[in-house]
Amino acid sequence: MENLVKRLQTEVGLTEDEAIKSISVVKDYMDKEGLEIDWEKFFKGKSQEFIVKAKEMFESISKHTHVYTDKFVDKVDNFTDKARKSAHDFSQKAADFFDEKNDDINK
């Protein structure tokens, strides 16, 4: 499999992670189509290495996604806080305005 990954990198221009993912997609497709392939023989006994590399890639993607999710949640929290403050300020100004109008009327 290592040779296949290297060929995908050099001939197609994929990164190592992209090459591994591509192999995984092809393998899944062929399995779903019912093709009987001896993957152990195909990958020359390196199926465990393939699984480890695929797992590492998915963990890396998950880690990066988590960072962006945290940033997104922080931004939403920040916008929510600003919206609450603006609503509070607006209601306070409205209350002050109506208090002044009531004072003017009562004079």
C-alpha atoms as a PDB file:
ATOM      1  CA  MET A   1       0.000   0.000   0.000  1.00  0.00           C
ATOM      2  CA  GLU A   2       2.895   2.323   0.711  1.00  0.00           C
ATOM      3  CA  ASN A   3       3.864   2.135  -2.954  1.00  0.00           C
ATOM      4  CA  LEU A   4       0.314   2.972  -3.989  1.00  0.00           C
ATOM      5  CA  VAL A   5       0.261   5.988  -1.661  1.00  0.00           C
ATOM      6  CA  LYS A   6       3.587   7.202  -3.083  1.00  0.00           C
ATOM      7  CA  ARG A   7       2.349   6.795  -6.661  1.00  0.00           C
ATOM      8  CA  LEU A   8      -0.800   8.770  -5.886  1.00  0.00           C
ATOM      9  CA  GLN A   9       1.363  11.479  -4.392  1.00  0.00           C
ATOM     10  CA  THR A  10       3.794  11.721  -7.303  1.00  0.00           C
ATOM     11  CA  GLU A  11       1.544  10.947 -10.259  1.00  0.00           C
ATOM     12  CA  VAL A  12      -1.658  12.629  -9.120  1.00  0.00           C
ATOM     13  CA  GLY A  13      -0.239  15.270  -6.797  1.00  0.00           C
ATOM     14  CA  LEU A  14      -2.145  14.203  -3.695  1.00  0.00           C
ATOM     15  CA  THR A  15      -0.882  14.670  -0.174  1.00  0.00           C
ATOM     16  CA  GLU A  16      -0.295  11.532   1.852  1.00  0.00           C
ATOM     17  CA  ASP A  17      -3.575  12.047   3.729  1.00  0.00           C
ATOM     18  CA  GLU A  18      -5.477  12.615   0.476  1.00  0.00           C
ATOM     19  CA  ALA A  19      -3.942   9.486  -1.051  1.00  0.00           C
ATOM     20  CA  ILE A  20      -4.921   7.377   1.954  1.00  0.00           C
ATOM     21  CA  LYS A  21      -8.453   8.802   1.916  1.00  0.00           C
ATOM     22  CA  SER A  22      -8.727   8.100  -1.821  1.00  0.00           C
ATOM     23  CA  ILE A  23      -7.703   4.488  -1.320  1.00  0.00           C
ATOM     24  CA  SER A  24     -10.235   4.200   1.491  1.00  0.00           C
ATOM     25  CA  VAL A  25     -13.025   5.567  -0.724  1.00  0.00           C
ATOM     26  CA  VAL A  26     -12.153   3.164  -3.551  1.00  0.00           C
ATOM     27  CA  LYS A  27     -11.992   0.229  -1.117  1.00  0.00           C
ATOM     28  CA  ASP A  28     -15.385   1.110   0.400  1.00  0.00           C
ATOM     29  CA  TYR A  29     -16.911   1.492  -3.062  1.00  0.00           C
ATOM     30  CA  MET A  30     -15.595  -1.850  -4.245  1.00  0.00           C
ATOM     31  CA  ASP A  31     -16.792  -3.565  -1.069  1.00  0.00           C
ATOM     32  CA  LYS A  32     -20.292  -2.083  -1.486  1.00  0.00           C
ATOM     33  CA  GLU A  33     -20.387  -3.235  -5.104  1.00  0.00           C
ATOM     34  CA  GLY A  34     -19.862  -6.790  -3.831  1.00  0.00           C
ATOM     35  CA  LEU A  35     -16.487  -7.302  -5.466  1.00  0.00           C
ATOM     36  CA  GLU A  36     -14.597 -10.011  -3.679  1.00  0.00           C
ATOM     37  CA  ILE A  37     -11.120  -8.615  -3.189  1.00  0.00           C
ATOM     38  CA  ASP A  38      -8.552 -10.028  -0.822  1.00  0.00           C
ATOM     39  CA  TRP A  39      -7.561  -6.689   0.675  1.00  0.00           C
ATOM     40  CA  GLU A  40      -4.883  -8.341   2.822  1.00  0.00           C
ATOM     41  CA  LYS A  41      -3.183  -9.604  -0.313  1.00  0.00           C
ATOM     42  CA  PHE A  42      -3.889  -6.391  -2.216  1.00  0.00           C
ATOM     43  CA  PHE A  43      -2.196  -4.267   0.426  1.00  0.00           C
ATOM     44  CA  LYS A  44       0.535  -6.874   0.854  1.00  0.00           C
ATOM     45  CA  GLY A  45      -0.224  -7.485   4.500  1.00  0.00           C
ATOM     46  CA  LYS A  46      -0.200  -3.806   5.385  1.00  0.00           C
ATOM     47  CA  SER A  47      -3.884  -3.420   6.119  1.00  0.00           C
ATOM     48  CA  GLN A  48      -3.185  -2.635   9.769  1.00  0.00           C
ATOM     49  CA  GLU A  49      -0.905   0.233   8.710  1.00  0.00           C
ATOM     50  CA  PHE A  50      -3.676   1.486   6.415  1.00  0.00           C
ATOM     51  CA  ILE A  51      -6.162   1.424   9.290  1.00  0.00           C
ATOM     52  CA  VAL A  52      -3.749   3.266  11.597  1.00  0.00           C
ATOM     53  CA  LYS A  53      -3.032   5.967   8.996  1.00  0.00           C
ATOM     54  CA  ALA A  54      -6.726   6.414   8.207  1.00  0.00           C
ATOM     55  CA  LYS A  55      -7.495   6.704  11.927  1.00  0.00           C
ATOM     56  CA  GLU A  56      -4.723   9.302  12.374  1.00  0.00           C
ATOM     57  CA  MET A  57      -6.096  11.299   9.458  1.00  0.00           C
ATOM     58  CA  PHE A  58      -9.646  11.288  10.842  1.00  0.00           C
ATOM     59  CA  GLU A  59      -8.376  12.272  14.307  1.00  0.00           C
ATOM     60  CA  SER A  60      -6.461  15.161  12.754  1.00  0.00           C
ATOM     61  CA  ILE A  61      -9.541  16.323  10.845  1.00  0.00           C
ATOM     62  CA  SER A  62     -11.617  16.028  14.001  1.00  0.00           C
ATOM     63  CA  LYS A  63      -9.103  18.085  15.965  1.00  0.00           C
ATOM     64  CA  HIS A  64      -9.102  20.860  13.349  1.00  0.00           C
ATOM     65  CA  THR A  65     -12.882  20.836  13.144  1.00  0.00           C
ATOM     66  CA  HIS A  66     -13.115  21.100  16.932  1.00  0.00           C
ATOM     67  CA  VAL A  67     -10.935  24.238  16.914  1.00  0.00           C
ATOM     68  CA  TYR A  68     -13.231  25.917  14.379  1.00  0.00           C
ATOM     69  CA  THR A  69     -16.324  24.808  16.273  1.00  0.00           C
ATOM     70  CA  ASP A  70     -14.950  26.383  19.449  1.00  0.00           C
ATOM     71  CA  LYS A  71     -14.234  29.629  17.590  1.00  0.00           C
ATOM     72  CA  PHE A  72     -17.732  29.627  16.117  1.00  0.00           C
ATOM     73  CA  VAL A  73     -19.326  29.053  19.538  1.00  0.00           C
ATOM     74  CA  ASP A  74     -17.237  31.896  21.008  1.00  0.00           C
ATOM     75  CA  LYS A  75     -18.377  34.248  18.223  1.00  0.00           C
ATOM     76  CA  VAL A  76     -22.029  33.306  18.721  1.00  0.00           C
ATOM     77  CA  ASP A  77     -21.692  33.848  22.473  1.00  0.00           C
ATOM     78  CA  ASN A  78     -20.076  37.223  21.827  1.00  0.00           C
ATOM     79  CA  PHE A  79     -22.869  38.267  19.444  1.00  0.00           C
ATOM     80  CA  THR A  80     -25.488  37.074  21.928  1.00  0.00           C
ATOM     81  CA  ASP A  81     -23.918  39.112  24.728  1.00  0.00           C
ATOM     82  CA  LYS A  82     -23.810  42.211  22.502  1.00  0.00           C
ATOM     83  CA  ALA A  83     -27.443  41.702  21.473  1.00  0.00           C
ATOM     84  CA  ARG A  84     -28.543  41.377  25.110  1.00  0.00           C
ATOM     85  CA  LYS A  85     -26.625  44.511  26.089  1.00  0.00           C
ATOM     86  CA  SER A  86     -28.075  46.452  23.156  1.00  0.00           C
ATOM     87  CA  ALA A  87     -31.606  45.295  24.007  1.00  0.00           C
ATOM     88  CA  HIS A  88     -31.089  46.240  27.660  1.00  0.00           C
ATOM     89  CA  ASP A  89     -29.669  49.655  26.701  1.00  0.00           C
ATOM     90  CA  PHE A  90     -32.567  50.243  24.313  1.00  0.00           C
ATOM     91  CA  SER A  91     -35.172  49.307  26.913  1.00  0.00           C
ATOM     92  CA  GLN A  92     -33.458  51.535  29.502  1.00  0.00           C
ATOM     93  CA  LYS A  93     -33.463  54.485  27.076  1.00  0.00           C
ATOM     94  CA  ALA A  94     -37.120  53.854  26.244  1.00  0.00           C
ATOM     95  CA  ALA A  95     -37.991  53.723  29.948  1.00  0.00           C
ATOM     96  CA  ASP A  96     -36.064  56.953  30.575  1.00  0.00           C
ATOM     97  CA  PHE A  97     -37.819  58.592  27.610  1.00  0.00           C
ATOM     98  CA  PHE A  98     -41.279  57.626  28.851  1.00  0.00           C
ATOM     99  CA  ASP A  99     -40.410  58.678  32.415  1.00  0.00           C
ATOM    100  CA  GLU A 100     -39.438  62.111  31.099  1.00  0.00           C
ATOM    101  CA  LYS A 101     -42.680  62.353  29.102  1.00  0.00           C
ATOM    102  CA  ASN A 102     -44.705  61.389  32.183  1.00  0.00           C
ATOM    103  CA  ASP A 103     -42.843  64.007  34.249  1.00  0.00           C
ATOM    104  CA  ASP A 104     -43.604  66.649  31.581  1.00  0.00           C
ATOM    105  CA  ILE A 105     -47.284  65.679  31.570  1.00  0.00           C
ATOM    106  CA  ASN A 106     -47.578  65.755  35.373  1.00  0.00           C
ATOM    107  CA  LYS A 107     -46.159  69.284  35.592  1.00  0.00           C
END
